[in-house]
């Protein structure tokens, strides 16, 4: 797995990922539903990865990075009140 390839993939996808997280939070509000939201984000990312023509790394190689980033973004949004009802 090439660091720069994965890093650039994540940097390019970050704005869309943030929007997807916020959209899912709006569609499925409340606590205790994080596992379902994460599964949906994974499905979205994996679907996009499958049809993308500019990815050099297999999805299994990049998913751990996406998963950690999602967890950190959600924690940040929770801490800053982004998801307060």
Protein backbone atom coordinates (compact mmCIF):
# COMPACT_ATOMS: atom_id res chain seq x y z
CA UNK A 1 0.00 0.00 0.00
CA UNK A 2 1.41 3.32 -1.03
CA UNK A 3 1.18 6.07 1.59
CA UNK A 4 0.86 8.95 -0.86
CA UNK A 5 -1.88 7.21 -2.85
CA UNK A 6 -3.96 6.58 0.26
CA UNK A 7 -3.27 10.04 1.67
CA UNK A 8 -4.36 11.76 -1.55
CA UNK A 9 -7.45 9.59 -1.81
CA UNK A 10 -8.49 10.63 1.68
CA UNK A 11 -7.65 14.32 1.18
CA UNK A 12 -9.66 14.44 -2.05
CA UNK A 13 -12.57 12.64 -0.43
CA UNK A 14 -12.61 14.49 2.90
CA UNK A 15 -15.23 17.15 2.02
CA UNK A 16 -17.59 14.51 0.64
CA UNK A 17 -16.98 12.27 3.66
CA UNK A 18 -17.83 15.09 6.06
CA UNK A 19 -21.01 15.82 4.11
CA UNK A 20 -21.94 12.11 4.12
CA UNK A 21 -21.44 11.89 7.89
CA UNK A 22 -23.61 14.95 8.47
CA UNK A 23 -26.28 13.68 6.07
CA UNK A 24 -26.46 10.29 7.77
CA UNK A 25 -26.61 11.94 11.19
CA UNK A 26 -29.57 13.98 9.96
CA UNK A 27 -31.31 10.95 8.50
CA UNK A 28 -30.59 8.68 11.47
CA UNK A 29 -30.37 10.94 14.53
CA UNK A 30 -29.81 9.85 18.09
CA UNK A 31 -27.32 7.86 20.07
CA UNK A 32 -26.68 4.14 19.81
CA UNK A 33 -26.94 3.98 16.03
CA UNK A 34 -23.29 4.54 15.18
CA UNK A 35 -22.74 0.97 14.00
CA UNK A 36 -25.49 1.27 11.40
CA UNK A 37 -24.20 4.66 10.24
CA UNK A 38 -20.64 3.34 9.95
CA UNK A 39 -21.86 0.34 7.95
CA UNK A 40 -23.69 2.69 5.56
CA UNK A 41 -20.60 4.89 5.17
CA UNK A 42 -18.51 1.83 4.45
CA UNK A 43 -21.01 0.67 1.87
CA UNK A 44 -21.02 4.09 0.19
CA UNK A 45 -17.23 4.29 0.11
CA UNK A 46 -16.85 0.73 -1.10
CA UNK A 47 -19.41 1.24 -3.87
CA UNK A 48 -17.62 4.37 -5.05
CA UNK A 49 -14.26 2.64 -4.84
CA UNK A 50 -15.49 -0.28 -6.97
CA UNK A 51 -16.47 1.95 -9.89
CA UNK A 52 -13.64 4.46 -9.59
CA UNK A 53 -11.06 4.30 -12.32
CA UNK A 54 -8.36 6.28 -10.55
CA UNK A 55 -7.77 4.11 -7.48
CA UNK A 56 -4.60 2.09 -7.30
CA UNK A 57 -5.14 0.53 -3.90
CA UNK A 58 -7.73 -2.15 -3.09
CA UNK A 59 -10.58 -1.03 -0.82
CA UNK A 60 -9.41 -3.38 1.94
CA UNK A 61 -6.13 -1.44 2.06
CA UNK A 62 -7.77 1.97 2.45
CA UNK A 63 -10.78 1.12 4.63
CA UNK A 64 -8.84 1.11 7.94
CA UNK A 65 -7.71 4.68 7.24
CA UNK A 66 -11.23 5.77 6.35
CA UNK A 67 -12.63 4.06 9.45
CA UNK A 68 -10.18 5.81 11.79
CA UNK A 69 -10.87 9.15 10.13
CA UNK A 70 -14.63 8.67 10.43
CA UNK A 71 -14.28 7.85 14.13
CA UNK A 72 -12.17 10.96 14.72
CA UNK A 73 -14.53 13.22 12.78
CA UNK A 74 -17.59 11.89 14.62
CA UNK A 75 -15.81 12.35 17.96
CA UNK A 76 -14.90 15.92 16.99
CA UNK A 77 -18.47 16.68 15.88
CA UNK A 78 -19.85 15.22 19.10
CA UNK A 79 -17.38 17.19 21.22
CA UNK A 80 -18.04 20.49 19.45
CA UNK A 81 -21.81 20.04 19.50
CA UNK A 82 -22.20 19.66 15.75
CA UNK A 83 -24.68 16.82 16.29
CA UNK A 84 -26.60 18.28 19.22
CA UNK A 85 -30.34 18.03 18.75
